[in-house]
Amino acid sequence: MFLWLWLIGWSAFVLPLAVASLRGWAPKRVRSRTSPWSIRVRGVALTVIWLGGLSGPLLRWSDLDSVDARFLASVTQGGLLVFAAGLVAGSQLGEWFYRRALRTAARAEDASGQP
């Protein structure tokens, strides 16, 4: 019973957020600080986290031994969580480099005196 409740609750909470981010929707304050591609990358990361949350119950329902299923679920969930964290960190790093390039271009434009 708990596994069904987990699947329903997890999907009802995380999946709409992931789909909204994949479509590019974000609150106004987030859109003003973040580029659209970064919001979509975070949507992919949320989808990966959603899959990680589903892997535990699905492996418990499989025909694996309970110890094997628990081990495989922990490895799978950990790997997917690290992958999602890497996506978010890469998105943040890309934003940082993009802003830095814009600042450098603006300084070069100001120094040359040409619009």
N, C-alpha and C. Protein backbone atom coordinates (compact mmCIF):
# COMPACT_ATOMS: atom_id res chain seq x y z
N MET A 1 0.82 -1.19 0.00
CA MET A 1 0.00 0.00 0.00
C MET A 1 0.87 1.26 0.00
N PHE A 2 1.94 1.22 0.82
CA PHE A 2 2.80 2.39 0.89
C PHE A 2 3.45 2.68 -0.44
N LEU A 3 3.81 1.63 -1.18
CA LEU A 3 4.47 1.84 -2.47
C LEU A 3 3.54 2.54 -3.46
N TRP A 4 2.27 2.16 -3.46
CA TRP A 4 1.32 2.84 -4.33
C TRP A 4 1.16 4.30 -3.94
N LEU A 5 1.06 4.57 -2.65
CA LEU A 5 0.94 5.95 -2.18
C LEU A 5 2.18 6.75 -2.53
N TRP A 6 3.34 6.13 -2.41
CA TRP A 6 4.58 6.81 -2.76
C TRP A 6 4.60 7.17 -4.24
N LEU A 7 4.25 6.22 -5.10
CA LEU A 7 4.26 6.47 -6.54
C LEU A 7 3.28 7.58 -6.92
N ILE A 8 2.10 7.55 -6.34
CA ILE A 8 1.10 8.57 -6.66
C ILE A 8 1.52 9.93 -6.12
N GLY A 9 1.94 9.98 -4.87
CA GLY A 9 2.35 11.25 -4.27
C GLY A 9 3.59 11.84 -4.93
N TRP A 10 4.56 11.00 -5.19
CA TRP A 10 5.80 11.47 -5.82
C TRP A 10 5.53 11.99 -7.22
N SER A 11 4.72 11.27 -7.96
CA SER A 11 4.41 11.71 -9.32
C SER A 11 3.55 12.97 -9.31
N ALA A 12 2.63 13.08 -8.37
CA ALA A 12 1.77 14.27 -8.31
C ALA A 12 2.55 15.51 -7.89
N PHE A 13 3.62 15.33 -7.13
CA PHE A 13 4.40 16.47 -6.66
C PHE A 13 5.50 16.88 -7.64
N VAL A 14 6.29 15.93 -8.09
CA VAL A 14 7.49 16.24 -8.87
C VAL A 14 7.22 16.34 -10.37
N LEU A 15 6.39 15.49 -10.90
CA LEU A 15 6.19 15.45 -12.34
C LEU A 15 5.63 16.76 -12.91
N PRO A 16 4.63 17.40 -12.30
CA PRO A 16 4.18 18.69 -12.86
C PRO A 16 5.27 19.77 -12.84
N LEU A 17 6.09 19.78 -11.81
CA LEU A 17 7.19 20.75 -11.77
C LEU A 17 8.21 20.48 -12.88
N ALA A 18 8.50 19.21 -13.11
CA ALA A 18 9.45 18.85 -14.16
C ALA A 18 8.91 19.22 -15.54
N VAL A 19 7.64 18.94 -15.79
CA VAL A 19 7.05 19.26 -17.09
C VAL A 19 7.00 20.76 -17.29
N ALA A 20 6.66 21.50 -16.25
CA ALA A 20 6.62 22.96 -16.36
C ALA A 20 8.00 23.52 -16.66
N SER A 21 9.02 23.00 -16.01
CA SER A 21 10.38 23.46 -16.27
C SER A 21 10.84 23.07 -17.67
N LEU A 22 10.47 21.89 -18.12
CA LEU A 22 10.83 21.48 -19.47
C LEU A 22 10.17 22.37 -20.52
N ARG A 23 9.01 22.87 -20.22
CA ARG A 23 8.31 23.78 -21.15
C ARG A 23 8.82 25.20 -21.04
N GLY A 24 9.68 25.48 -20.05
CA GLY A 24 10.27 26.80 -19.91
C GLY A 24 9.57 27.70 -18.92
N TRP A 25 8.57 27.17 -18.21
CA TRP A 25 7.85 27.99 -17.25
C TRP A 25 8.67 28.08 -15.97
N ALA A 26 8.69 29.28 -15.39
CA ALA A 26 9.33 29.52 -14.10
C ALA A 26 8.73 30.80 -13.54
N PRO A 27 8.80 30.99 -12.23
CA PRO A 27 8.33 32.26 -11.67
C PRO A 27 9.10 33.44 -12.25
N LYS A 28 8.49 34.61 -12.19
CA LYS A 28 9.06 35.80 -12.82
C LYS A 28 10.45 36.13 -12.28
N ARG A 29 10.65 35.99 -10.99
CA ARG A 29 11.96 36.32 -10.42
C ARG A 29 13.04 35.34 -10.88
N VAL A 30 12.66 34.10 -11.14
CA VAL A 30 13.63 33.12 -11.65
C VAL A 30 13.95 33.41 -13.11
N ARG A 31 12.93 33.75 -13.91
CA ARG A 31 13.15 34.06 -15.32
C ARG A 31 14.02 35.28 -15.51
N SER A 32 13.95 36.23 -14.56
CA SER A 32 14.77 37.43 -14.70
C SER A 32 16.25 37.16 -14.40
N ARG A 33 16.54 36.11 -13.66
CA ARG A 33 17.92 35.80 -13.30
C ARG A 33 18.52 34.64 -14.08
N THR A 34 17.69 33.92 -14.82
CA THR A 34 18.15 32.68 -15.44
C THR A 34 17.72 32.65 -16.91
N SER A 35 18.56 32.07 -17.74
CA SER A 35 18.22 31.97 -19.15
C SER A 35 17.23 30.82 -19.38
N PRO A 36 16.50 30.86 -20.49
CA PRO A 36 15.51 29.79 -20.76
C PRO A 36 16.13 28.40 -20.89
N TRP A 37 17.33 28.30 -21.47
CA TRP A 37 17.94 26.97 -21.60
C TRP A 37 18.32 26.41 -20.24
N SER A 38 18.68 27.26 -19.31
CA SER A 38 19.03 26.80 -17.97
C SER A 38 17.80 26.28 -17.24
N ILE A 39 16.66 26.93 -17.46
CA ILE A 39 15.41 26.46 -16.85
C ILE A 39 15.06 25.08 -17.41
N ARG A 40 15.28 24.88 -18.70
CA ARG A 40 14.97 23.58 -19.30
C ARG A 40 15.93 22.49 -18.82
N VAL A 41 17.18 22.83 -18.62
CA VAL A 41 18.14 21.85 -18.09
C VAL A 41 17.72 21.44 -16.68
N ARG A 42 17.26 22.38 -15.90
CA ARG A 42 16.76 22.05 -14.56
C ARG A 42 15.51 21.19 -14.63
N GLY A 43 14.72 21.37 -15.68
CA GLY A 43 13.57 20.49 -15.89
C GLY A 43 14.00 19.06 -16.18
N VAL A 44 15.07 18.92 -16.94
CA VAL A 44 15.62 17.58 -17.19
C VAL A 44 16.12 16.98 -15.88
N ALA A 45 16.77 17.80 -15.05
CA ALA A 45 17.26 17.31 -13.76
C ALA A 45 16.10 16.88 -12.87
N LEU A 46 15.01 17.62 -12.88
CA LEU A 46 13.83 17.22 -12.10
C LEU A 46 13.23 15.91 -12.63
N THR A 47 13.26 15.73 -13.93
CA THR A 47 12.77 14.47 -14.51
C THR A 47 13.65 13.30 -14.07
N VAL A 48 14.96 13.52 -14.03
CA VAL A 48 15.87 12.47 -13.57
C VAL A 48 15.63 12.15 -12.10
N ILE A 49 15.39 13.18 -11.29
CA ILE A 49 15.08 12.96 -9.87
C ILE A 49 13.76 12.20 -9.73
N TRP A 50 12.79 12.52 -10.57
CA TRP A 50 11.51 11.81 -10.54
C TRP A 50 11.72 10.32 -10.86
N LEU A 51 12.55 10.04 -11.87
CA LEU A 51 12.84 8.64 -12.19
C LEU A 51 13.55 7.93 -11.04
N GLY A 52 14.44 8.66 -10.35
CA GLY A 52 15.12 8.08 -9.20
C GLY A 52 14.14 7.73 -8.09
N GLY A 53 13.15 8.57 -7.90
CA GLY A 53 12.14 8.29 -6.88
C GLY A 53 11.25 7.11 -7.24
N LEU A 54 11.08 6.85 -8.51
CA LEU A 54 10.27 5.71 -8.94
C LEU A 54 11.04 4.40 -8.92
N SER A 55 12.36 4.48 -9.00
CA SER A 55 13.14 3.25 -9.12
C SER A 55 13.06 2.36 -7.88
N GLY A 56 12.97 2.94 -6.70
CA GLY A 56 12.89 2.13 -5.47
C GLY A 56 11.67 1.24 -5.42
N PRO A 57 10.46 1.81 -5.52
CA PRO A 57 9.27 0.95 -5.50
C PRO A 57 9.21 -0.03 -6.66
N LEU A 58 9.65 0.38 -7.83
CA LEU A 58 9.59 -0.54 -8.97
C LEU A 58 10.54 -1.72 -8.79
N LEU A 59 11.70 -1.48 -8.20
CA LEU A 59 12.62 -2.59 -7.95
C LEU A 59 12.13 -3.49 -6.81
N ARG A 60 11.40 -2.93 -5.85
CA ARG A 60 10.84 -3.77 -4.79
C ARG A 60 9.76 -4.69 -5.32
N TRP A 61 9.04 -4.24 -6.35
CA TRP A 61 8.01 -5.08 -6.96
C TRP A 61 8.59 -6.12 -7.91
N SER A 62 9.85 -6.00 -8.24
CA SER A 62 10.46 -6.94 -9.18
C SER A 62 10.66 -8.30 -8.51
N ASP A 63 11.14 -9.25 -9.28
CA ASP A 63 11.34 -10.60 -8.75
C ASP A 63 12.69 -10.77 -8.07
N LEU A 64 13.39 -9.67 -7.84
CA LEU A 64 14.69 -9.77 -7.18
C LEU A 64 14.52 -10.09 -5.70
N ASP A 65 15.57 -10.66 -5.12
CA ASP A 65 15.61 -10.86 -3.68
C ASP A 65 15.55 -9.49 -3.01
N SER A 66 14.99 -9.40 -1.82
CA SER A 66 14.79 -8.09 -1.18
C SER A 66 16.12 -7.37 -0.92
N VAL A 67 17.15 -8.13 -0.56
CA VAL A 67 18.46 -7.50 -0.32
C VAL A 67 19.04 -6.98 -1.63
N ASP A 68 18.93 -7.77 -2.69
CA ASP A 68 19.43 -7.34 -3.99
C ASP A 68 18.66 -6.13 -4.51
N ALA A 69 17.35 -6.15 -4.33
CA ALA A 69 16.52 -5.03 -4.79
C ALA A 69 16.87 -3.76 -4.03
N ARG A 70 17.07 -3.87 -2.73
CA ARG A 70 17.44 -2.71 -1.93
C ARG A 70 18.80 -2.14 -2.36
N PHE A 71 19.76 -3.02 -2.59
CA PHE A 71 21.08 -2.58 -3.01
C PHE A 71 21.02 -1.91 -4.38
N LEU A 72 20.34 -2.54 -5.33
CA LEU A 72 20.24 -1.98 -6.67
C LEU A 72 19.48 -0.65 -6.65
N ALA A 73 18.44 -0.56 -5.82
CA ALA A 73 17.69 0.69 -5.72
C ALA A 73 18.56 1.80 -5.16
N SER A 74 19.35 1.51 -4.13
CA SER A 74 20.20 2.56 -3.55
C SER A 74 21.27 3.02 -4.54
N VAL A 75 21.85 2.09 -5.28
CA VAL A 75 22.85 2.46 -6.27
C VAL A 75 22.21 3.27 -7.40
N THR A 76 21.05 2.84 -7.86
CA THR A 76 20.36 3.54 -8.94
C THR A 76 19.94 4.94 -8.50
N GLN A 77 19.34 5.03 -7.32
CA GLN A 77 18.89 6.33 -6.83
C GLN A 77 20.07 7.26 -6.60
N GLY A 78 21.14 6.75 -6.05
CA GLY A 78 22.34 7.58 -5.83
C GLY A 78 22.94 8.06 -7.14
N GLY A 79 23.03 7.17 -8.12
CA GLY A 79 23.58 7.54 -9.42
C GLY A 79 22.72 8.58 -10.12
N LEU A 80 21.41 8.40 -10.09
CA LEU A 80 20.53 9.38 -10.72
C LEU A 80 20.56 10.72 -10.00
N LEU A 81 20.69 10.69 -8.69
CA LEU A 81 20.77 11.94 -7.93
C LEU A 81 22.07 12.69 -8.24
N VAL A 82 23.17 11.97 -8.35
CA VAL A 82 24.44 12.61 -8.71
C VAL A 82 24.37 13.16 -10.14
N PHE A 83 23.74 12.42 -11.05
CA PHE A 83 23.59 12.91 -12.42
C PHE A 83 22.75 14.19 -12.46
N ALA A 84 21.67 14.22 -11.70
CA ALA A 84 20.82 15.43 -11.64
C ALA A 84 21.59 16.59 -11.03
N ALA A 85 22.36 16.33 -10.00
CA ALA A 85 23.16 17.39 -9.39
C ALA A 85 24.19 17.91 -10.39
N GLY A 86 24.77 17.03 -11.19
CA GLY A 86 25.71 17.46 -12.22
C GLY A 86 25.04 18.33 -13.28
N LEU A 87 23.80 17.99 -13.64
CA LEU A 87 23.07 18.82 -14.59
C LEU A 87 22.82 20.22 -14.04
N VAL A 88 22.41 20.31 -12.79
CA VAL A 88 22.14 21.61 -12.17
C VAL A 88 23.44 22.40 -12.01
N ALA A 89 24.50 21.73 -11.60
CA ALA A 89 25.79 22.42 -11.45
C ALA A 89 26.31 22.90 -12.81
N GLY A 90 26.16 22.09 -13.85
CA GLY A 90 26.56 22.52 -15.18
C GLY A 90 25.74 23.69 -15.67
N SER A 91 24.47 23.69 -15.34
CA SER A 91 23.60 24.81 -15.71
C SER A 91 24.05 26.09 -15.01
N GLN A 92 24.35 25.99 -13.73
CA GLN A 92 24.82 27.16 -12.98
C GLN A 92 26.16 27.65 -13.53
N LEU A 93 27.05 26.73 -13.84
CA LEU A 93 28.35 27.11 -14.37
C LEU A 93 28.21 27.75 -15.75
N GLY A 94 27.33 27.22 -16.57
CA GLY A 94 27.08 27.83 -17.87
C GLY A 94 26.53 29.24 -17.74
N GLU A 95 25.63 29.45 -16.79
CA GLU A 95 25.10 30.80 -16.53
C GLU A 95 26.23 31.75 -16.11
N TRP A 96 27.10 31.25 -15.26
CA TRP A 96 28.20 32.08 -14.77
C TRP A 96 29.10 32.50 -15.92
N PHE A 97 29.49 31.55 -16.79
CA PHE A 97 30.34 31.86 -17.93
C PHE A 97 29.63 32.81 -18.91
N TYR A 98 28.34 32.62 -19.12
CA TYR A 98 27.58 33.48 -20.02
C TYR A 98 27.56 34.91 -19.50
N ARG A 99 27.28 35.11 -18.22
CA ARG A 99 27.27 36.45 -17.64
C ARG A 99 28.65 37.08 -17.70
N ARG A 100 29.67 36.29 -17.46
CA ARG A 100 31.04 36.80 -17.51
C ARG A 100 31.40 37.25 -18.93
N ALA A 101 30.99 36.50 -19.92
CA ALA A 101 31.25 36.88 -21.32
C ALA A 101 30.50 38.16 -21.68
N LEU A 102 29.27 38.31 -21.18
CA LEU A 102 28.51 39.53 -21.45
C LEU A 102 29.18 40.75 -20.80
N ARG A 103 29.67 40.57 -19.57
CA ARG A 103 30.36 41.69 -18.90
C ARG A 103 31.62 42.07 -19.65
N THR A 104 32.38 41.09 -20.11
CA THR A 104 33.61 41.36 -20.85
C THR A 104 33.29 42.07 -22.17
N ALA A 105 32.25 41.63 -22.85
CA ALA A 105 31.87 42.28 -24.11
C ALA A 105 31.40 43.70 -23.86
N ALA A 106 30.67 43.93 -22.78
CA ALA A 106 30.20 45.28 -22.46
C ALA A 106 31.38 46.19 -22.12
N ARG A 107 32.36 45.68 -21.39
CA ARG A 107 33.55 46.49 -21.06
C ARG A 107 34.34 46.80 -22.31
N ALA A 108 34.47 45.86 -23.22
CA ALA A 108 35.21 46.09 -24.45
C ALA A 108 34.49 47.13 -25.33
N GLU A 109 33.18 47.08 -25.33
CA GLU A 109 32.40 48.03 -26.09
C GLU A 109 32.54 49.44 -25.49
N ASP A 110 32.53 49.53 -24.17
CA ASP A 110 32.69 50.83 -23.51
C ASP A 110 34.09 51.39 -23.73
N ALA A 111 35.09 50.53 -23.73
CA ALA A 111 36.47 50.99 -23.91
C ALA A 111 36.71 51.48 -25.33
N SER A 112 36.08 50.87 -26.30
CA SER A 112 36.29 51.29 -27.69
C SER A 112 35.54 52.57 -28.03
N GLY A 113 34.49 52.84 -27.27
CA GLY A 113 33.72 54.05 -27.50
C GLY A 113 32.75 53.95 -28.66
N GLN A 114 32.66 52.80 -29.26
CA GLN A 114 31.70 52.60 -30.36
C GLN A 114 30.51 51.84 -29.85
N PRO A 115 29.32 52.21 -30.29
CA PRO A 115 28.12 51.49 -29.84
C PRO A 115 28.02 50.10 -30.43
